[in-house]
Amino acid sequence: MTRLVLLAILLMLMAWAFWRLMDGVIAAMGGSPGGRRAQPPGVKLVRDPVCGTYVAAGSSLSLTRGATTHYFCSERCRGEFTTRR
């Protein structure tokens, strides 16, 4: 009877270790192991044409000329851009 209980415990530990290993393999392949949530999508960054700083398009200053929209990190960069062109 004792051997049967110990064998059952050993099998449960082996199954647990196997599933932990598989979760790691799935995570390494870019999946979503163990029902964990995937990472949220990244924010699109655009480059300021004056100073070269990367800024988030949704929360930066912008200026549209024709069909092109330019994004800026500050009022200073936007002002410098408008005086140059």
PDB file of N, CA and C in Angstrom:
ATOM      1  N   MET A   1       0.827  -1.187   0.000  1.00  0.00           N
ATOM      2  CA  MET A   1       0.000   0.000   0.000  1.00  0.00           C
ATOM      3  C   MET A   1       0.878   1.259   0.000  1.00  0.00           C
ATOM      4  N   THR A   2       1.942   1.266   0.805  1.00  0.00           N
ATOM      5  CA  THR A   2       2.834   2.420   0.879  1.00  0.00           C
ATOM      6  C   THR A   2       3.518   2.645  -0.461  1.00  0.00           C
ATOM      7  N   ARG A   3       3.915   1.562  -1.122  1.00  0.00           N
ATOM      8  CA  ARG A   3       4.563   1.691  -2.426  1.00  0.00           C
ATOM      9  C   ARG A   3       3.611   2.304  -3.451  1.00  0.00           C
ATOM     10  N   LEU A   4       2.374   1.955  -3.388  1.00  0.00           N
ATOM     11  CA  LEU A   4       1.380   2.484  -4.321  1.00  0.00           C
ATOM     12  C   LEU A   4       1.205   3.994  -4.126  1.00  0.00           C
ATOM     13  N   VAL A   5       1.162   4.452  -2.892  1.00  0.00           N
ATOM     14  CA  VAL A   5       1.027   5.884  -2.592  1.00  0.00           C
ATOM     15  C   VAL A   5       2.264   6.634  -3.069  1.00  0.00           C
ATOM     16  N   LEU A   6       3.459   6.076  -2.786  1.00  0.00           N
ATOM     17  CA  LEU A   6       4.697   6.722  -3.220  1.00  0.00           C
ATOM     18  C   LEU A   6       4.792   6.760  -4.748  1.00  0.00           C
ATOM     19  N   LEU A   7       4.364   5.723  -5.418  1.00  0.00           N
ATOM     20  CA  LEU A   7       4.360   5.693  -6.872  1.00  0.00           C
ATOM     21  C   LEU A   7       3.405   6.746  -7.440  1.00  0.00           C
ATOM     22  N   ALA A   8       2.244   6.901  -6.823  1.00  0.00           N
ATOM     23  CA  ALA A   8       1.273   7.912  -7.260  1.00  0.00           C
ATOM     24  C   ALA A   8       1.847   9.316  -7.092  1.00  0.00           C
ATOM     25  N   ILE A   9       2.515   9.566  -5.961  1.00  0.00           N
ATOM     26  CA  ILE A   9       3.138  10.877  -5.719  1.00  0.00           C
ATOM     27  C   ILE A   9       4.232  11.128  -6.742  1.00  0.00           C
ATOM     28  N   LEU A  10       5.051  10.133  -7.026  1.00  0.00           N
ATOM     29  CA  LEU A  10       6.117  10.267  -8.011  1.00  0.00           C
ATOM     30  C   LEU A  10       5.556  10.572  -9.396  1.00  0.00           C
ATOM     31  N   LEU A  11       4.493   9.892  -9.796  1.00  0.00           N
ATOM     32  CA  LEU A  11       3.875  10.145 -11.092  1.00  0.00           C
ATOM     33  C   LEU A  11       3.292  11.556 -11.179  1.00  0.00           C
ATOM     34  N   MET A  12       2.708  12.034 -10.103  1.00  0.00           N
ATOM     35  CA  MET A  12       2.164  13.402 -10.085  1.00  0.00           C
ATOM     36  C   MET A  12       3.282  14.428 -10.213  1.00  0.00           C
ATOM     37  N   LEU A  13       4.408  14.189  -9.515  1.00  0.00           N
ATOM     38  CA  LEU A  13       5.542  15.113  -9.614  1.00  0.00           C
ATOM     39  C   LEU A  13       6.133  15.115 -11.019  1.00  0.00           C
ATOM     40  N   MET A  14       6.203  13.948 -11.634  1.00  0.00           N
ATOM     41  CA  MET A  14       6.724  13.865 -13.000  1.00  0.00           C
ATOM     42  C   MET A  14       5.798  14.572 -13.983  1.00  0.00           C
ATOM     43  N   ALA A  15       4.489  14.433 -13.814  1.00  0.00           N
ATOM     44  CA  ALA A  15       3.530  15.118 -14.682  1.00  0.00           C
ATOM     45  C   ALA A  15       3.632  16.628 -14.509  1.00  0.00           C
ATOM     46  N   TRP A  16       3.761  17.088 -13.259  1.00  0.00           N
ATOM     47  CA  TRP A  16       3.899  18.521 -12.992  1.00  0.00           C
ATOM     48  C   TRP A  16       5.170  19.061 -13.653  1.00  0.00           C
ATOM     49  N   ALA A  17       6.289  18.352 -13.534  1.00  0.00           N
ATOM     50  CA  ALA A  17       7.553  18.788 -14.138  1.00  0.00           C
ATOM     51  C   ALA A  17       7.442  18.825 -15.665  1.00  0.00           C
ATOM     52  N   PHE A  18       6.763  17.847 -16.234  1.00  0.00           N
ATOM     53  CA  PHE A  18       6.575  17.812 -17.676  1.00  0.00           C
ATOM     54  C   PHE A  18       5.790  19.028 -18.156  1.00  0.00           C
ATOM     55  N   TRP A  19       4.716  19.368 -17.477  1.00  0.00           N
ATOM     56  CA  TRP A  19       3.902  20.511 -17.899  1.00  0.00           C
ATOM     57  C   TRP A  19       4.635  21.834 -17.705  1.00  0.00           C
ATOM     58  N   ARG A  20       5.461  21.931 -16.685  1.00  0.00           N
ATOM     59  CA  ARG A  20       6.295  23.136 -16.506  1.00  0.00           C
ATOM     60  C   ARG A  20       7.276  23.277 -17.671  1.00  0.00           C
ATOM     61  N   LEU A  21       7.864  22.164 -18.072  1.00  0.00           N
ATOM     62  CA  LEU A  21       8.783  22.164 -19.209  1.00  0.00           C
ATOM     63  C   LEU A  21       8.057  22.593 -20.480  1.00  0.00           C
ATOM     64  N   MET A  22       6.876  22.063 -20.699  1.00  0.00           N
ATOM     65  CA  MET A  22       6.123  22.412 -21.910  1.00  0.00           C
ATOM     66  C   MET A  22       5.712  23.884 -21.909  1.00  0.00           C
ATOM     67  N   ASP A  23       5.365  24.430 -20.743  1.00  0.00           N
ATOM     68  CA  ASP A  23       5.054  25.859 -20.661  1.00  0.00           C
ATOM     69  C   ASP A  23       6.261  26.690 -21.075  1.00  0.00           C
ATOM     70  N   GLY A  24       7.450  26.293 -20.645  1.00  0.00           N
ATOM     71  CA  GLY A  24       8.670  27.006 -21.027  1.00  0.00           C
ATOM     72  C   GLY A  24       8.940  26.930 -22.515  1.00  0.00           C
ATOM     73  N   VAL A  25       8.712  25.780 -23.113  1.00  0.00           N
ATOM     74  CA  VAL A  25       8.908  25.616 -24.553  1.00  0.00           C
ATOM     75  C   VAL A  25       7.919  26.485 -25.321  1.00  0.00           C
ATOM     76  N   ILE A  26       6.667  26.500 -24.893  1.00  0.00           N
ATOM     77  CA  ILE A  26       5.652  27.322 -25.562  1.00  0.00           C
ATOM     78  C   ILE A  26       5.994  28.799 -25.426  1.00  0.00           C
ATOM     79  N   ALA A  27       6.454  29.219 -24.263  1.00  0.00           N
ATOM     80  CA  ALA A  27       6.822  30.622 -24.059  1.00  0.00           C
ATOM     81  C   ALA A  27       8.011  30.997 -24.938  1.00  0.00           C
ATOM     82  N   ALA A  28       8.981  30.108 -25.089  1.00  0.00           N
ATOM     83  CA  ALA A  28      10.151  30.385 -25.916  1.00  0.00           C
ATOM     84  C   ALA A  28       9.778  30.505 -27.389  1.00  0.00           C
ATOM     85  N   MET A  29       8.724  29.841 -27.787  1.00  0.00           N
ATOM     86  CA  MET A  29       8.285  29.893 -29.182  1.00  0.00           C
ATOM     87  C   MET A  29       7.335  31.057 -29.433  1.00  0.00           C
ATOM     88  N   GLY A  30       7.087  31.875 -28.426  1.00  0.00           N
ATOM     89  CA  GLY A  30       6.252  33.053 -28.595  1.00  0.00           C
ATOM     90  C   GLY A  30       4.786  32.840 -28.294  1.00  0.00           C
ATOM     91  N   GLY A  31       4.442  31.733 -27.695  1.00  0.00           N
ATOM     92  CA  GLY A  31       3.044  31.449 -27.377  1.00  0.00           C
ATOM     93  C   GLY A  31       2.634  32.064 -26.058  1.00  0.00           C
ATOM     94  N   SER A  32       1.523  31.627 -25.555  1.00  0.00           N
ATOM     95  CA  SER A  32       0.996  32.115 -24.300  1.00  0.00           C
ATOM     96  C   SER A  32       0.808  30.927 -23.361  1.00  0.00           C
ATOM     97  N   PRO A  33       1.833  30.585 -22.571  1.00  0.00           N
ATOM     98  CA  PRO A  33       1.768  29.379 -21.746  1.00  0.00           C
ATOM     99  C   PRO A  33       0.865  29.526 -20.535  1.00  0.00           C
ATOM    100  N   GLY A  34       0.278  28.430 -20.133  1.00  0.00           N
ATOM    101  CA  GLY A  34      -0.465  28.377 -18.877  1.00  0.00           C
ATOM    102  C   GLY A  34      -1.622  29.343 -18.779  1.00  0.00           C
ATOM    103  N   GLY A  35      -2.172  29.787 -19.888  1.00  0.00           N
ATOM    104  CA  GLY A  35      -3.306  30.703 -19.856  1.00  0.00           C
ATOM    105  C   GLY A  35      -2.916  32.135 -19.504  1.00  0.00           C
ATOM    106  N   ARG A  36      -1.635  32.449 -19.518  1.00  0.00           N
ATOM    107  CA  ARG A  36      -1.213  33.826 -19.230  1.00  0.00           C
ATOM    108  C   ARG A  36      -1.574  34.715 -20.401  1.00  0.00           C
ATOM    109  N   ARG A  37      -1.782  35.987 -20.115  1.00  0.00           N
ATOM    110  CA  ARG A  37      -2.138  36.929 -21.171  1.00  0.00           C
ATOM    111  C   ARG A  37      -0.908  37.305 -21.982  1.00  0.00           C
ATOM    112  N   ALA A  38      -1.123  37.535 -23.253  1.00  0.00           N
ATOM    113  CA  ALA A  38      -0.058  37.991 -24.138  1.00  0.00           C
ATOM    114  C   ALA A  38       0.230  39.463 -23.854  1.00  0.00           C
ATOM    115  N   GLN A  39       1.388  39.920 -24.271  1.00  0.00           N
ATOM    116  CA  GLN A  39       1.774  41.319 -24.083  1.00  0.00           C
ATOM    117  C   GLN A  39       0.888  42.216 -24.947  1.00  0.00           C
ATOM    118  N   PRO A  40       0.546  43.404 -24.455  1.00  0.00           N
ATOM    119  CA  PRO A  40      -0.245  44.327 -25.270  1.00  0.00           C
ATOM    120  C   PRO A  40       0.588  44.816 -26.454  1.00  0.00           C
ATOM    121  N   PRO A  41      -0.068  45.236 -27.523  1.00  0.00           N
ATOM    122  CA  PRO A  41       0.687  45.718 -28.679  1.00  0.00           C
ATOM    123  C   PRO A  41       1.486  46.957 -28.332  1.00  0.00           C
ATOM    124  N   GLY A  42       2.595  47.147 -29.000  1.00  0.00           N
ATOM    125  CA  GLY A  42       3.468  48.290 -28.740  1.00  0.00           C
ATOM    126  C   GLY A  42       2.892  49.587 -29.280  1.00  0.00           C
ATOM    127  N   VAL A  43       3.497  50.693 -28.881  1.00  0.00           N
ATOM    128  CA  VAL A  43       3.084  52.018 -29.314  1.00  0.00           C
ATOM    129  C   VAL A  43       3.907  52.390 -30.541  1.00  0.00           C
ATOM    130  N   LYS A  44       3.262  52.948 -31.560  1.00  0.00           N
ATOM    131  CA  LYS A  44       3.966  53.359 -32.763  1.00  0.00           C
ATOM    132  C   LYS A  44       4.778  54.622 -32.476  1.00  0.00           C
ATOM    133  N   LEU A  45       6.075  54.561 -32.753  1.00  0.00           N
ATOM    134  CA  LEU A  45       6.942  55.709 -32.567  1.00  0.00           C
ATOM    135  C   LEU A  45       7.301  56.311 -33.917  1.00  0.00           C
ATOM    136  N   VAL A  46       7.377  57.629 -33.940  1.00  0.00           N
ATOM    137  CA  VAL A  46       7.773  58.354 -35.147  1.00  0.00           C
ATOM    138  C   VAL A  46       8.922  59.284 -34.788  1.00  0.00           C
ATOM    139  N   ARG A  47       9.706  59.654 -35.789  1.00  0.00           N
ATOM    140  CA  ARG A  47      10.903  60.457 -35.537  1.00  0.00           C
ATOM    141  C   ARG A  47      10.624  61.930 -35.775  1.00  0.00           C
ATOM    142  N   ASP A  48      11.062  62.753 -34.835  1.00  0.00           N
ATOM    143  CA  ASP A  48      10.973  64.203 -34.951  1.00  0.00           C
ATOM    144  C   ASP A  48      11.945  64.625 -36.055  1.00  0.00           C
ATOM    145  N   PRO A  49      11.478  65.358 -37.104  1.00  0.00           N
ATOM    146  CA  PRO A  49      12.371  65.710 -38.214  1.00  0.00           C
ATOM    147  C   PRO A  49      13.418  66.759 -37.854  1.00  0.00           C
ATOM    148  N   VAL A  50      13.270  67.442 -36.739  1.00  0.00           N
ATOM    149  CA  VAL A  50      14.222  68.487 -36.368  1.00  0.00           C
ATOM    150  C   VAL A  50      15.358  67.931 -35.509  1.00  0.00           C
ATOM    151  N   CYS A  51      15.025  67.306 -34.389  1.00  0.00           N
ATOM    152  CA  CYS A  51      16.072  66.851 -33.459  1.00  0.00           C
ATOM    153  C   CYS A  51      16.313  65.348 -33.518  1.00  0.00           C
ATOM    154  N   GLY A  52      15.442  64.589 -34.186  1.00  0.00           N
ATOM    155  CA  GLY A  52      15.643  63.157 -34.323  1.00  0.00           C
ATOM    156  C   GLY A  52      15.123  62.317 -33.178  1.00  0.00           C
ATOM    157  N   THR A  53      14.456  62.920 -32.212  1.00  0.00           N
ATOM    158  CA  THR A  53      13.906  62.182 -31.081  1.00  0.00           C
ATOM    159  C   THR A  53      12.707  61.356 -31.537  1.00  0.00           C
ATOM    160  N   TYR A  54      12.582  60.155 -31.001  1.00  0.00           N
ATOM    161  CA  TYR A  54      11.411  59.323 -31.299  1.00  0.00           C
ATOM    162  C   TYR A  54      10.310  59.631 -30.296  1.00  0.00           C
ATOM    163  N   VAL A  55       9.116  59.888 -30.815  1.00  0.00           N
ATOM    164  CA  VAL A  55       7.970  60.239 -29.974  1.00  0.00           C
ATOM    165  C   VAL A  55       6.782  59.356 -30.350  1.00  0.00           C
ATOM    166  N   ALA A  56       5.857  59.192 -29.405  1.00  0.00           N
ATOM    167  CA  ALA A  56       4.631  58.439 -29.669  1.00  0.00           C
ATOM    168  C   ALA A  56       3.721  59.285 -30.552  1.00  0.00           C
ATOM    169  N   ALA A  57       3.274  58.730 -31.652  1.00  0.00           N
ATOM    170  CA  ALA A  57       2.476  59.491 -32.620  1.00  0.00           C
ATOM    171  C   ALA A  57       1.175  60.005 -32.016  1.00  0.00           C
ATOM    172  N   GLY A  58       0.568  59.230 -31.142  1.00  0.00           N
ATOM    173  CA  GLY A  58      -0.721  59.628 -30.590  1.00  0.00           C
ATOM    174  C   GLY A  58      -0.676  60.758 -29.583  1.00  0.00           C
ATOM    175  N   SER A  59       0.474  60.970 -28.950  1.00  0.00           N
ATOM    176  CA  SER A  59       0.538  61.982 -27.892  1.00  0.00           C
ATOM    177  C   SER A  59       1.558  63.080 -28.179  1.00  0.00           C
ATOM    178  N   SER A  60       1.973  63.233 -29.430  1.00  0.00           N
ATOM    179  CA  SER A  60       2.967  64.257 -29.750  1.00  0.00           C
ATOM    180  C   SER A  60       2.315  65.410 -30.509  1.00  0.00           C
ATOM    181  N   LEU A  61       3.073  66.475 -30.660  1.00  0.00           N
ATOM    182  CA  LEU A  61       2.619  67.610 -31.458  1.00  0.00           C
ATOM    183  C   LEU A  61       2.758  67.241 -32.926  1.00  0.00           C
ATOM    184  N   SER A  62       1.838  67.712 -33.747  1.00  0.00           N
ATOM    185  CA  SER A  62       1.914  67.352 -35.168  1.00  0.00           C
ATOM    186  C   SER A  62       1.635  68.566 -36.032  1.00  0.00           C
ATOM    187  N   LEU A  63       2.048  68.432 -37.280  1.00  0.00           N
ATOM    188  CA  LEU A  63       1.827  69.470 -38.276  1.00  0.00           C
ATOM    189  C   LEU A  63       1.594  68.751 -39.598  1.00  0.00           C
ATOM    190  N   THR A  64       0.476  69.057 -40.260  1.00  0.00           N
ATOM    191  CA  THR A  64       0.163  68.405 -41.526  1.00  0.00           C
ATOM    192  C   THR A  64       0.356  69.394 -42.660  1.00  0.00           C
ATOM    193  N   ARG A  65       1.148  68.959 -43.630  1.00  0.00           N
ATOM    194  CA  ARG A  65       1.374  69.772 -44.831  1.00  0.00           C
ATOM    195  C   ARG A  65       1.071  68.895 -46.030  1.00  0.00           C
ATOM    196  N   GLY A  66       0.031  69.237 -46.749  1.00  0.00           N
ATOM    197  CA  GLY A  66      -0.379  68.410 -47.880  1.00  0.00           C
ATOM    198  C   GLY A  66      -0.873  67.068 -47.365  1.00  0.00           C
ATOM    199  N   ALA A  67      -0.256  66.004 -47.856  1.00  0.00           N
ATOM    200  CA  ALA A  67      -0.647  64.660 -47.440  1.00  0.00           C
ATOM    201  C   ALA A  67       0.286  64.091 -46.386  1.00  0.00           C
ATOM    202  N   THR A  68       1.282  64.878 -45.951  1.00  0.00           N
ATOM    203  CA  THR A  68       2.285  64.397 -45.002  1.00  0.00           C
ATOM    204  C   THR A  68       2.068  65.012 -43.626  1.00  0.00           C
ATOM    205  N   THR A  69       2.083  64.172 -42.616  1.00  0.00           N
ATOM    206  CA  THR A  69       1.988  64.640 -41.234  1.00  0.00           C
ATOM    207  C   THR A  69       3.344  64.476 -40.567  1.00  0.00           C
ATOM    208  N   HIS A  70       3.834  65.540 -39.949  1.00  0.00           N
ATOM    209  CA  HIS A  70       5.111  65.532 -39.239  1.00  0.00           C
ATOM    210  C   HIS A  70       4.805  65.591 -37.744  1.00  0.00           C
ATOM    211  N   TYR A  71       5.579  64.848 -36.954  1.00  0.00           N
ATOM    212  CA  TYR A  71       5.378  64.784 -35.507  1.00  0.00           C
ATOM    213  C   TYR A  71       6.595  65.364 -34.807  1.00  0.00           C
ATOM    214  N   PHE A  72       6.335  66.096 -33.682  1.00  0.00           N
ATOM    215  CA  PHE A  72       7.408  66.813 -32.987  1.00  0.00           C
ATOM    216  C   PHE A  72       7.380  66.530 -31.488  1.00  0.00           C
ATOM    217  N   CYS A  73       8.549  66.624 -30.871  1.00  0.00           N
ATOM    218  CA  CYS A  73       8.658  66.371 -29.433  1.00  0.00           C
ATOM    219  C   CYS A  73       8.325  67.617 -28.617  1.00  0.00           C
ATOM    220  N   SER A  74       8.440  68.800 -29.218  1.00  0.00           N
ATOM    221  CA  SER A  74       8.203  70.035 -28.459  1.00  0.00           C
ATOM    222  C   SER A  74       7.753  71.159 -29.395  1.00  0.00           C
ATOM    223  N   GLU A  75       7.275  72.229 -28.783  1.00  0.00           N
ATOM    224  CA  GLU A  75       6.889  73.419 -29.544  1.00  0.00           C
ATOM    225  C   GLU A  75       8.105  74.027 -30.233  1.00  0.00           C
ATOM    226  N   ARG A  76       9.257  73.964 -29.577  1.00  0.00           N
ATOM    227  CA  ARG A  76      10.485  74.526 -30.152  1.00  0.00           C
ATOM    228  C   ARG A  76      10.819  73.840 -31.475  1.00  0.00           C
ATOM    229  N   CYS A  77      10.752  72.509 -31.505  1.00  0.00           N
ATOM    230  CA  CYS A  77      11.044  71.772 -32.734  1.00  0.00           C
ATOM    231  C   CYS A  77      10.015  72.067 -33.819  1.00  0.00           C
ATOM    232  N   ARG A  78       8.752  72.157 -33.442  1.00  0.00           N
ATOM    233  CA  ARG A  78       7.717  72.453 -34.435  1.00  0.00           C
ATOM    234  C   ARG A  78       7.916  73.850 -34.990  1.00  0.00           C
ATOM    235  N   GLY A  79       8.235  74.826 -34.110  1.00  0.00           N
ATOM    236  CA  GLY A  79       8.484  76.193 -34.577  1.00  0.00           C
ATOM    237  C   GLY A  79       9.693  76.279 -35.490  1.00  0.00           C
ATOM    238  N   GLU A  80      10.755  75.573 -35.148  1.00  0.00           N
ATOM    239  CA  GLU A  80      11.954  75.566 -35.980  1.00  0.00           C
ATOM    240  C   GLU A  80      11.675  74.950 -37.344  1.00  0.00           C
ATOM    241  N   PHE A  81      10.870  73.917 -37.363  1.00  0.00           N
ATOM    242  CA  PHE A  81      10.502  73.247 -38.609  1.00  0.00           C
ATOM    243  C   PHE A  81       9.708  74.198 -39.511  1.00  0.00           C
ATOM    244  N   THR A  82       8.760  74.939 -38.938  1.00  0.00           N
ATOM    245  CA  THR A  82       7.925  75.839 -39.753  1.00  0.00           C
ATOM    246  C   THR A  82       8.728  77.022 -40.284  1.00  0.00           C
ATOM    247  N   THR A  83       9.742  77.467 -39.557  1.00  0.00           N
ATOM    248  CA  THR A  83      10.531  78.591 -40.047  1.00  0.00           C
ATOM    249  C   THR A  83      11.514  78.159 -41.122  1.00  0.00           C
ATOM    250  N   ARG A  84      11.946  76.906 -41.105  1.00  0.00           N
ATOM    251  CA  ARG A  84      12.882  76.409 -42.114  1.00  0.00           C
ATOM    252  C   ARG A  84      12.192  76.145 -43.438  1.00  0.00           C
ATOM    253  N   ARG A  85      10.923  75.823 -43.440  1.00  0.00           N
ATOM    254  CA  ARG A  85      10.257  75.413 -44.694  1.00  0.00           C
ATOM    255  C   ARG A  85       9.189  76.373 -45.085  1.00  0.00           C
TER     256      ARG A  85
END
